[in-house]
PDB file of N, CA and C in Angstrom:
ATOM      1  N   UNK A   1     112.825 101.926  69.208  1.00  0.00           N
ATOM      2  CA  UNK A   1     113.176 101.101  68.092  1.00  0.00           C
ATOM      3  C   UNK A   1     112.116 100.021  67.961  1.00  0.00           C
ATOM      4  N   UNK A   2     111.345 100.067  66.889  1.00  0.00           N
ATOM      5  CA  UNK A   2     110.270  99.085  66.730  1.00  0.00           C
ATOM      6  C   UNK A   2     110.787  97.687  66.398  1.00  0.00           C
ATOM      7  N   UNK A   3     110.112  96.708  66.969  1.00  0.00           N
ATOM      8  CA  UNK A   3     110.359  95.324  66.597  1.00  0.00           C
ATOM      9  C   UNK A   3     109.557  95.065  65.333  1.00  0.00           C
ATOM     10  N   UNK A   4     110.240  94.719  64.245  1.00  0.00           N
ATOM     11  CA  UNK A   4     109.544  94.507  62.977  1.00  0.00           C
ATOM     12  C   UNK A   4     109.258  93.043  62.708  1.00  0.00           C
ATOM     13  N   UNK A   5     109.929  92.147  63.439  1.00  0.00           N
ATOM     14  CA  UNK A   5     109.661  90.710  63.290  1.00  0.00           C
ATOM     15  C   UNK A   5     110.099  89.994  64.559  1.00  0.00           C
ATOM     16  N   UNK A   6     109.488  88.843  64.780  1.00  0.00           N
ATOM     17  CA  UNK A   6     109.812  88.003  65.932  1.00  0.00           C
ATOM     18  C   UNK A   6     109.636  86.567  65.493  1.00  0.00           C
ATOM     19  N   UNK A   7     110.672  85.754  65.618  1.00  0.00           N
ATOM     20  CA  UNK A   7     110.561  84.340  65.272  1.00  0.00           C
ATOM     21  C   UNK A   7     111.599  83.539  66.047  1.00  0.00           C
ATOM     22  N   UNK A   8     111.182  82.388  66.532  1.00  0.00           N
ATOM     23  CA  UNK A   8     112.057  81.462  67.262  1.00  0.00           C
ATOM     24  C   UNK A   8     112.868  82.154  68.363  1.00  0.00           C
ATOM     25  N   UNK A   9     112.236  83.091  69.046  1.00  0.00           N
ATOM     26  CA  UNK A   9     112.907  83.796  70.139  1.00  0.00           C
ATOM     27  C   UNK A   9     113.851  84.895  69.708  1.00  0.00           C
ATOM     28  N   UNK A  10     113.866  85.214  68.430  1.00  0.00           N
ATOM     29  CA  UNK A  10     114.747  86.257  67.891  1.00  0.00           C
ATOM     30  C   UNK A  10     113.910  87.488  67.578  1.00  0.00           C
ATOM     31  N   UNK A  11     114.288  88.618  68.140  1.00  0.00           N
ATOM     32  CA  UNK A  11     113.624  89.888  67.836  1.00  0.00           C
ATOM     33  C   UNK A  11     114.430  90.605  66.762  1.00  0.00           C
ATOM     34  N   UNK A  12     113.738  91.083  65.741  1.00  0.00           N
ATOM     35  CA  UNK A  12     114.372  91.868  64.684  1.00  0.00           C
ATOM     36  C   UNK A  12     113.850  93.287  64.826  1.00  0.00           C
ATOM     37  N   UNK A  13     114.773  94.211  64.994  1.00  0.00           N
ATOM     38  CA  UNK A  13     114.393  95.616  65.208  1.00  0.00           C
ATOM     39  C   UNK A  13     115.089  96.506  64.200  1.00  0.00           C
ATOM     40  N   UNK A  14     114.469  97.658  63.967  1.00  0.00           N
ATOM     41  CA  UNK A  14     115.049  98.637  63.055  1.00  0.00           C
ATOM     42  C   UNK A  14     114.858 100.022  63.658  1.00  0.00           C
ATOM     43  N   UNK A  15     115.965 100.717  63.827  1.00  0.00           N
ATOM     44  CA  UNK A  15     115.916 102.083  64.347  1.00  0.00           C
ATOM     45  C   UNK A  15     115.443 103.048  63.264  1.00  0.00           C
ATOM     46  N   UNK A  16     114.698 104.048  63.669  1.00  0.00           N
ATOM     47  CA  UNK A  16     114.335 105.135  62.767  1.00  0.00           C
ATOM     48  C   UNK A  16     115.565 106.022  62.626  1.00  0.00           C
ATOM     49  N   UNK A  17     115.886 106.364  61.389  1.00  0.00           N
ATOM     50  CA  UNK A  17     117.037 107.221  61.050  1.00  0.00           C
ATOM     51  C   UNK A  17     118.364 106.625  61.504  1.00  0.00           C
ATOM     52  N   UNK A  18     118.495 105.331  61.377  1.00  0.00           N
ATOM     53  CA  UNK A  18     119.740 104.646  61.742  1.00  0.00           C
ATOM     54  C   UNK A  18     120.818 104.930  60.695  1.00  0.00           C
ATOM     55  N   UNK A  19     122.044 104.639  61.041  1.00  0.00           N
ATOM     56  CA  UNK A  19     123.201 104.903  60.187  1.00  0.00           C
ATOM     57  C   UNK A  19     123.365 103.814  59.133  1.00  0.00           C
ATOM     58  N   UNK A  20     123.945 104.169  57.972  1.00  0.00           N
ATOM     59  CA  UNK A  20     124.276 103.153  56.973  1.00  0.00           C
ATOM     60  C   UNK A  20     125.410 102.260  57.470  1.00  0.00           C
ATOM     61  N   UNK A  21     125.622 101.107  56.897  1.00  0.00           N
ATOM     62  CA  UNK A  21     124.894 100.507  55.788  1.00  0.00           C
ATOM     63  C   UNK A  21     123.533  99.992  56.253  1.00  0.00           C
ATOM     64  N   UNK A  22     122.617  99.766  55.307  1.00  0.00           N
ATOM     65  CA  UNK A  22     121.292  99.254  55.673  1.00  0.00           C
ATOM     66  C   UNK A  22     121.410  97.952  56.459  1.00  0.00           C
ATOM     67  N   UNK A  23     120.786  97.921  57.634  1.00  0.00           N
ATOM     68  CA  UNK A  23     120.894  96.756  58.508  1.00  0.00           C
ATOM     69  C   UNK A  23     119.709  96.686  59.455  1.00  0.00           C
ATOM     70  N   UNK A  24     119.581  95.550  60.102  1.00  0.00           N
ATOM     71  CA  UNK A  24     118.613  95.365  61.186  1.00  0.00           C
ATOM     72  C   UNK A  24     119.395  94.938  62.418  1.00  0.00           C
ATOM     73  N   UNK A  25     118.763  95.062  63.555  1.00  0.00           N
ATOM     74  CA  UNK A  25     119.326  94.606  64.821  1.00  0.00           C
ATOM     75  C   UNK A  25     118.626  93.301  65.164  1.00  0.00           C
ATOM     76  N   UNK A  26     119.398  92.237  65.349  1.00  0.00           N
ATOM     77  CA  UNK A  26     118.855  90.942  65.740  1.00  0.00           C
ATOM     78  C   UNK A  26     119.244  90.695  67.190  1.00  0.00           C
ATOM     79  N   UNK A  27     118.242  90.441  68.034  1.00  0.00           N
ATOM     80  CA  UNK A  27     118.481  90.210  69.454  1.00  0.00           C
ATOM     81  C   UNK A  27     117.980  88.808  69.796  1.00  0.00           C
ATOM     82  N   UNK A  28     118.878  88.023  70.391  1.00  0.00           N
ATOM     83  CA  UNK A  28     118.542  86.668  70.797  1.00  0.00           C
ATOM     84  C   UNK A  28     119.147  86.459  72.177  1.00  0.00           C
ATOM     85  N   UNK A  29     118.295  86.444  73.199  1.00  0.00           N
ATOM     86  CA  UNK A  29     118.796  86.341  74.572  1.00  0.00           C
ATOM     87  C   UNK A  29     119.707  87.505  74.879  1.00  0.00           C
ATOM     88  N   UNK A  30     120.923  87.220  75.343  1.00  0.00           N
ATOM     89  CA  UNK A  30     121.859  88.291  75.676  1.00  0.00           C
ATOM     90  C   UNK A  30     122.719  88.694  74.479  1.00  0.00           C
ATOM     91  N   UNK A  31     122.477  88.102  73.321  1.00  0.00           N
ATOM     92  CA  UNK A  31     123.259  88.386  72.115  1.00  0.00           C
ATOM     93  C   UNK A  31     122.551  89.415  71.249  1.00  0.00           C
ATOM     94  N   UNK A  32     123.344  90.288  70.631  1.00  0.00           N
ATOM     95  CA  UNK A  32     122.801  91.256  69.683  1.00  0.00           C
ATOM     96  C   UNK A  32     123.793  91.438  68.556  1.00  0.00           C
ATOM     97  N   UNK A  33     123.262  91.576  67.345  1.00  0.00           N
ATOM     98  CA  UNK A  33     124.119  91.777  66.183  1.00  0.00           C
ATOM     99  C   UNK A  33     123.423  92.695  65.190  1.00  0.00           C
ATOM    100  N   UNK A  34     124.230  93.436  64.444  1.00  0.00           N
ATOM    101  CA  UNK A  34     123.751  94.185  63.286  1.00  0.00           C
ATOM    102  C   UNK A  34     123.874  93.219  62.112  1.00  0.00           C
ATOM    103  N   UNK A  35     122.812  93.110  61.324  1.00  0.00           N
ATOM    104  CA  UNK A  35     122.791  92.184  60.188  1.00  0.00           C
ATOM    105  C   UNK A  35     122.515  92.982  58.923  1.00  0.00           C
ATOM    106  N   UNK A  36     123.397  92.852  57.940  1.00  0.00           N
ATOM    107  CA  UNK A  36     123.264  93.577  56.680  1.00  0.00           C
ATOM    108  C   UNK A  36     122.038  93.099  55.912  1.00  0.00           C
ATOM    109  N   UNK A  37     121.252  94.041  55.434  1.00  0.00           N
ATOM    110  CA  UNK A  37     120.054  93.705  54.662  1.00  0.00           C
ATOM    111  C   UNK A  37     120.430  93.030  53.347  1.00  0.00           C
ATOM    112  N   UNK A  38     121.455  93.483  52.685  1.00  0.00           N
ATOM    113  CA  UNK A  38     121.807  92.960  51.362  1.00  0.00           C
ATOM    114  C   UNK A  38     122.342  91.534  51.396  1.00  0.00           C
ATOM    115  N   UNK A  39     123.080  91.180  52.446  1.00  0.00           N
ATOM    116  CA  UNK A  39     123.743  89.872  52.468  1.00  0.00           C
ATOM    117  C   UNK A  39     123.247  88.941  53.561  1.00  0.00           C
ATOM    118  N   UNK A  40     122.583  89.478  54.579  1.00  0.00           N
ATOM    119  CA  UNK A  40     122.154  88.674  55.721  1.00  0.00           C
ATOM    120  C   UNK A  40     123.291  88.330  56.667  1.00  0.00           C
ATOM    121  N   UNK A  41     124.468  88.877  56.427  1.00  0.00           N
ATOM    122  CA  UNK A  41     125.647  88.587  57.255  1.00  0.00           C
ATOM    123  C   UNK A  41     125.682  89.488  58.485  1.00  0.00           C
ATOM    124  N   UNK A  42     126.216  88.960  59.577  1.00  0.00           N
ATOM    125  CA  UNK A  42     126.451  89.762  60.778  1.00  0.00           C
ATOM    126  C   UNK A  42     127.603  90.715  60.469  1.00  0.00           C
ATOM    127  N   UNK A  43     127.356  92.018  60.634  1.00  0.00           N
ATOM    128  CA  UNK A  43     128.404  92.999  60.366  1.00  0.00           C
ATOM    129  C   UNK A  43     128.971  93.602  61.649  1.00  0.00           C
ATOM    130  N   UNK A  44     128.280  93.391  62.744  1.00  0.00           N
ATOM    131  CA  UNK A  44     128.778  93.839  64.042  1.00  0.00           C
ATOM    132  C   UNK A  44     128.042  93.062  65.124  1.00  0.00           C
ATOM    133  N   UNK A  45     128.719  92.734  66.204  1.00  0.00           N
ATOM    134  CA  UNK A  45     128.111  91.975  67.284  1.00  0.00           C
ATOM    135  C   UNK A  45     128.240  90.483  67.040  1.00  0.00           C
ATOM    136  N   UNK A  46     127.398  89.727  67.748  1.00  0.00           N
ATOM    137  CA  UNK A  46     127.486  88.268  67.663  1.00  0.00           C
ATOM    138  C   UNK A  46     126.142  87.624  67.964  1.00  0.00           C
ATOM    139  N   UNK A  47     125.864  86.563  67.239  1.00  0.00           N
ATOM    140  CA  UNK A  47     124.717  85.693  67.491  1.00  0.00           C
ATOM    141  C   UNK A  47     125.231  84.259  67.513  1.00  0.00           C
ATOM    142  N   UNK A  48     124.579  83.375  68.271  1.00  0.00           N
ATOM    143  CA  UNK A  48     124.930  81.954  68.158  1.00  0.00           C
ATOM    144  C   UNK A  48     124.740  81.500  66.708  1.00  0.00           C
ATOM    145  N   UNK A  49     125.502  80.518  66.282  1.00  0.00           N
ATOM    146  CA  UNK A  49     125.502  80.086  64.875  1.00  0.00           C
ATOM    147  C   UNK A  49     124.108  79.757  64.350  1.00  0.00           C
ATOM    148  N   UNK A  50     123.309  79.028  65.118  1.00  0.00           N
ATOM    149  CA  UNK A  50     121.967  78.646  64.642  1.00  0.00           C
ATOM    150  C   UNK A  50     121.084  79.875  64.467  1.00  0.00           C
ATOM    151  N   UNK A  51     121.140  80.809  65.399  1.00  0.00           N
ATOM    152  CA  UNK A  51     120.344  82.034  65.296  1.00  0.00           C
ATOM    153  C   UNK A  51     120.819  82.871  64.108  1.00  0.00           C
ATOM    154  N   UNK A  52     122.125  82.950  63.901  1.00  0.00           N
ATOM    155  CA  UNK A  52     122.661  83.722  62.772  1.00  0.00           C
ATOM    156  C   UNK A  52     122.176  83.141  61.444  1.00  0.00           C
ATOM    157  N   UNK A  53     122.126  81.799  61.340  1.00  0.00           N
ATOM    158  CA  UNK A  53     121.622  81.161  60.109  1.00  0.00           C
ATOM    159  C   UNK A  53     120.153  81.479  59.882  1.00  0.00           C
ATOM    160  N   UNK A  54     119.351  81.421  60.947  1.00  0.00           N
ATOM    161  CA  UNK A  54     117.927  81.737  60.819  1.00  0.00           C
ATOM    162  C   UNK A  54     117.726  83.174  60.381  1.00  0.00           C
ATOM    163  N   UNK A  55     118.459  84.090  60.990  1.00  0.00           N
ATOM    164  CA  UNK A  55     118.321  85.510  60.639  1.00  0.00           C
ATOM    165  C   UNK A  55     118.755  85.740  59.196  1.00  0.00           C
ATOM    166  N   UNK A  56     119.834  85.114  58.779  1.00  0.00           N
ATOM    167  CA  UNK A  56     120.295  85.270  57.392  1.00  0.00           C
ATOM    168  C   UNK A  56     119.245  84.761  56.414  1.00  0.00           C
ATOM    169  N   UNK A  57     118.715  83.572  56.660  1.00  0.00           N
ATOM    170  CA  UNK A  57     117.677  83.009  55.782  1.00  0.00           C
ATOM    171  C   UNK A  57     116.477  83.940  55.710  1.00  0.00           C
ATOM    172  N   UNK A  58     116.055  84.448  56.865  1.00  0.00           N
ATOM    173  CA  UNK A  58     114.912  85.344  56.928  1.00  0.00           C
ATOM    174  C   UNK A  58     115.195  86.634  56.154  1.00  0.00           C
ATOM    175  N   UNK A  59     116.357  87.241  56.394  1.00  0.00           N
ATOM    176  CA  UNK A  59     116.696  88.519  55.754  1.00  0.00           C
ATOM    177  C   UNK A  59     116.773  88.373  54.234  1.00  0.00           C
ATOM    178  N   UNK A  60     117.380  87.310  53.760  1.00  0.00           N
ATOM    179  CA  UNK A  60     117.497  87.126  52.312  1.00  0.00           C
ATOM    180  C   UNK A  60     116.137  86.876  51.663  1.00  0.00           C
ATOM    181  N   UNK A  61     115.273  86.154  52.356  1.00  0.00           N
ATOM    182  CA  UNK A  61     113.931  85.877  51.813  1.00  0.00           C
ATOM    183  C   UNK A  61     113.049  87.121  51.794  1.00  0.00           C
ATOM    184  N   UNK A  62     113.363  88.091  52.625  1.00  0.00           N
ATOM    185  CA  UNK A  62     112.527  89.294  52.749  1.00  0.00           C
ATOM    186  C   UNK A  62     113.313  90.570  52.449  1.00  0.00           C
ATOM    187  N   UNK A  63     114.326  90.430  51.639  1.00  0.00           N
ATOM    188  CA  UNK A  63     115.235  91.550  51.344  1.00  0.00           C
ATOM    189  C   UNK A  63     114.505  92.797  50.845  1.00  0.00           C
ATOM    190  N   UNK A  64     113.572  92.632  49.907  1.00  0.00           N
ATOM    191  CA  UNK A  64     112.892  93.822  49.377  1.00  0.00           C
ATOM    192  C   UNK A  64     112.045  94.506  50.445  1.00  0.00           C
ATOM    193  N   UNK A  65     111.352  93.739  51.261  1.00  0.00           N
ATOM    194  CA  UNK A  65     110.581  94.337  52.353  1.00  0.00           C
ATOM    195  C   UNK A  65     111.509  95.081  53.313  1.00  0.00           C
ATOM    196  N   UNK A  66     112.673  94.512  53.581  1.00  0.00           N
ATOM    197  CA  UNK A  66     113.630  95.173  54.470  1.00  0.00           C
ATOM    198  C   UNK A  66     114.166  96.451  53.845  1.00  0.00           C
ATOM    199  N   UNK A  67     114.450  96.428  52.546  1.00  0.00           N
ATOM    200  CA  UNK A  67     114.896  97.648  51.857  1.00  0.00           C
ATOM    201  C   UNK A  67     113.824  98.729  51.963  1.00  0.00           C
ATOM    202  N   UNK A  68     112.569  98.343  51.715  1.00  0.00           N
ATOM    203  CA  UNK A  68     111.470  99.312  51.805  1.00  0.00           C
ATOM    204  C   UNK A  68     111.364  99.880  53.220  1.00  0.00           C
ATOM    205  N   UNK A  69     111.489  99.014  54.228  1.00  0.00           N
ATOM    206  CA  UNK A  69     111.441  99.467  55.615  1.00  0.00           C
ATOM    207  C   UNK A  69     112.616 100.386  55.931  1.00  0.00           C
ATOM    208  N   UNK A  70     113.799 100.067  55.412  1.00  0.00           N
ATOM    209  CA  UNK A  70     114.976 100.914  55.635  1.00  0.00           C
ATOM    210  C   UNK A  70     114.700 102.322  55.102  1.00  0.00           C
ATOM    211  N   UNK A  71     114.115 102.400  53.905  1.00  0.00           N
ATOM    212  CA  UNK A  71     113.795 103.708  53.316  1.00  0.00           C
ATOM    213  C   UNK A  71     112.795 104.464  54.191  1.00  0.00           C
ATOM    214  N   UNK A  72     111.776 103.770  54.687  1.00  0.00           N
ATOM    215  CA  UNK A  72     110.806 104.407  55.590  1.00  0.00           C
ATOM    216  C   UNK A  72     111.500 104.927  56.847  1.00  0.00           C
ATOM    217  N   UNK A  73     112.310 104.086  57.457  1.00  0.00           N
ATOM    218  CA  UNK A  73     112.980 104.462  58.703  1.00  0.00           C
ATOM    219  C   UNK A  73     113.938 105.625  58.497  1.00  0.00           C
ATOM    220  N   UNK A  74     114.663 105.623  57.403  1.00  0.00           N
ATOM    221  CA  UNK A  74     115.591 106.727  57.126  1.00  0.00           C
ATOM    222  C   UNK A  74     114.842 108.040  56.910  1.00  0.00           C
ATOM    223  N   UNK A  75     113.590 107.941  56.457  1.00  0.00           N
ATOM    224  CA  UNK A  75     112.754 109.135  56.258  1.00  0.00           C
ATOM    225  C   UNK A  75     112.061 109.561  57.550  1.00  0.00           C
ATOM    226  N   UNK A  76     112.324 108.836  58.651  1.00  0.00           N
ATOM    227  CA  UNK A  76     111.733 109.186  59.935  1.00  0.00           C
ATOM    228  C   UNK A  76     110.382 108.557  60.191  1.00  0.00           C
ATOM    229  N   UNK A  77     109.973 107.626  59.342  1.00  0.00           N
ATOM    230  CA  UNK A  77     108.690 106.947  59.505  1.00  0.00           C
ATOM    231  C   UNK A  77     108.893 105.590  60.163  1.00  0.00           C
ATOM    232  N   UNK A  78     107.832 105.072  60.759  1.00  0.00           N
ATOM    233  CA  UNK A  78     107.905 103.777  61.429  1.00  0.00           C
ATOM    234  C   UNK A  78     107.934 102.655  60.398  1.00  0.00           C
ATOM    235  N   UNK A  79     108.889 101.744  60.510  1.00  0.00           N
ATOM    236  CA  UNK A  79     108.896 100.592  59.606  1.00  0.00           C
ATOM    237  C   UNK A  79     107.717  99.663  59.893  1.00  0.00           C
ATOM    238  N   UNK A  80     107.365  98.876  58.893  1.00  0.00           N
ATOM    239  CA  UNK A  80     106.221  97.972  58.999  1.00  0.00           C
ATOM    240  C   UNK A  80     106.650  96.596  59.511  1.00  0.00           C
ATOM    241  N   UNK A  81     105.697  95.872  60.072  1.00  0.00           N
ATOM    242  CA  UNK A  81     105.958  94.502  60.532  1.00  0.00           C
ATOM    243  C   UNK A  81     106.195  93.605  59.323  1.00  0.00           C
ATOM    244  N   UNK A  82     107.062  92.615  59.514  1.00  0.00           N
ATOM    245  CA  UNK A  82     107.354  91.632  58.475  1.00  0.00           C
ATOM    246  C   UNK A  82     107.193  90.254  59.119  1.00  0.00           C
ATOM    247  N   UNK A  83     106.603  89.332  58.398  1.00  0.00           N
ATOM    248  CA  UNK A  83     106.388  87.983  58.934  1.00  0.00           C
ATOM    249  C   UNK A  83     107.712  87.313  59.262  1.00  0.00           C
ATOM    250  N   UNK A  84     107.716  86.558  60.338  1.00  0.00           N
ATOM    251  CA  UNK A  84     108.884  85.793  60.734  1.00  0.00           C
ATOM    252  C   UNK A  84     108.949  84.467  60.002  1.00  0.00           C
ATOM    253  N   UNK A  85     110.021  83.731  60.196  1.00  0.00           N
ATOM    254  CA  UNK A  85     110.178  82.420  59.545  1.00  0.00           C
ATOM    255  C   UNK A  85     109.095  81.439  59.962  1.00  0.00           C
ATOM    256  N   UNK A  86     108.655  81.527  61.202  1.00  0.00           N
ATOM    257  CA  UNK A  86     107.651  80.580  61.706  1.00  0.00           C
ATOM    258  C   UNK A  86     106.246  80.892  61.217  1.00  0.00           C
ATOM    259  N   UNK A  87     106.087  81.968  60.439  1.00  0.00           N
ATOM    260  CA  UNK A  87     104.778  82.318  59.882  1.00  0.00           C
ATOM    261  C   UNK A  87     104.585  81.677  58.517  1.00  0.00           C
ATOM    262  N   UNK A  88     105.639  81.080  57.973  1.00  0.00           N
ATOM    263  CA  UNK A  88     105.552  80.476  56.642  1.00  0.00           C
ATOM    264  C   UNK A  88     104.859  79.140  56.663  1.00  0.00           C
TER     265      UNK A  88
END
Protein backbone atom coordinates (compact mmCIF):
# COMPACT_ATOMS: atom_id res chain seq x y z
CA UNK A 1 0.00 0.00 0.00
CA UNK A 2 1.76 3.15 -1.17
CA UNK A 3 2.03 6.19 1.03
CA UNK A 4 0.65 9.01 -1.10
CA UNK A 5 1.17 11.83 1.40
CA UNK A 6 2.92 12.53 4.69
CA UNK A 7 2.35 15.59 6.86
CA UNK A 8 2.65 16.40 10.57
CA UNK A 9 3.39 12.76 11.38
CA UNK A 10 0.32 11.49 9.53
CA UNK A 11 0.77 8.94 6.74
CA UNK A 12 -1.91 8.84 4.05
CA UNK A 13 -2.05 5.57 2.15
CA UNK A 14 -4.18 4.14 -0.60
CA UNK A 15 -4.51 0.46 -1.40
CA UNK A 16 -4.52 -0.68 -5.01
CA UNK A 17 -7.93 -2.18 -5.86
CA UNK A 18 -9.39 -1.26 -2.48
CA UNK A 19 -13.11 -1.60 -1.74
CA UNK A 20 -15.66 1.21 -2.08
CA UNK A 21 -16.55 3.78 -0.90
CA UNK A 22 -13.59 5.85 -2.13
CA UNK A 23 -11.32 6.43 0.86
CA UNK A 24 -7.76 6.75 2.10
CA UNK A 25 -6.11 5.20 5.13
CA UNK A 26 -4.77 7.76 7.62
CA UNK A 27 -2.21 6.46 10.10
CA UNK A 28 -1.06 8.54 13.05
CA UNK A 29 0.99 6.71 15.67
CA UNK A 30 -1.03 3.70 16.80
CA UNK A 31 -4.26 5.14 15.33
CA UNK A 32 -5.65 4.29 11.91
CA UNK A 33 -8.82 5.38 10.17
CA UNK A 34 -10.51 5.12 6.79
CA UNK A 35 -11.33 8.64 5.60
CA UNK A 36 -13.93 9.28 2.90
CA UNK A 37 -12.56 11.16 -0.10
CA UNK A 38 -15.82 13.03 -0.73
CA UNK A 39 -16.37 14.35 2.80
CA UNK A 40 -13.05 14.01 4.64
CA UNK A 41 -14.93 12.28 7.47
CA UNK A 42 -13.64 9.23 9.33
CA UNK A 43 -15.81 6.33 8.19
CA UNK A 44 -14.05 3.58 10.12
CA UNK A 45 -11.39 3.51 12.84
CA UNK A 46 -10.25 6.44 14.94
CA UNK A 47 -7.84 9.36 14.90
CA UNK A 48 -7.19 11.92 17.64
CA UNK A 49 -9.37 15.01 17.06
CA UNK A 50 -6.51 17.27 15.90
CA UNK A 51 -5.21 14.67 13.43
CA UNK A 52 -8.74 14.03 12.12
CA UNK A 53 -9.19 17.79 11.48
CA UNK A 54 -5.87 17.99 9.61
CA UNK A 55 -6.73 14.97 7.47
CA UNK A 56 -10.19 16.35 6.69
CA UNK A 57 -8.78 19.74 5.67
CA UNK A 58 -6.16 18.05 3.52
CA UNK A 59 -8.64 15.65 1.86
CA UNK A 60 -11.15 18.38 1.03
CA UNK A 61 -8.44 20.64 -0.42
CA UNK A 62 -7.16 17.81 -2.62
CA UNK A 63 -10.41 16.01 -3.38
CA UNK A 64 -9.95 15.91 -7.16
CA UNK A 65 -6.41 14.55 -6.89
CA UNK A 66 -7.70 11.89 -4.49
CA UNK A 67 -10.53 10.97 -6.87
CA UNK A 68 -8.01 10.63 -9.71
CA UNK A 69 -5.76 8.48 -7.51
CA UNK A 70 -8.75 6.32 -6.48
CA UNK A 71 -9.48 5.67 -10.17
CA UNK A 72 -5.83 4.73 -10.79
CA UNK A 73 -5.75 2.41 -7.79
CA UNK A 74 -9.02 0.72 -8.71
CA UNK A 75 -7.54 0.06 -12.16
CA UNK A 76 -4.56 -1.66 -10.51
CA UNK A 77 -2.12 1.20 -11.05
CA UNK A 78 0.00 2.92 -8.42
CA UNK A 79 -1.51 6.15 -7.10
CA UNK A 80 0.58 9.31 -7.33
CA UNK A 81 2.09 11.33 -4.48
CA UNK A 82 0.09 14.33 -3.28
CA UNK A 83 1.54 17.26 -1.35
CA UNK A 84 0.85 17.34 2.36
CA UNK A 85 -0.50 20.30 4.33
CA UNK A 86 3.01 21.31 5.39
CA UNK A 87 4.04 21.71 1.74
CA UNK A 88 1.72 24.70 1.28
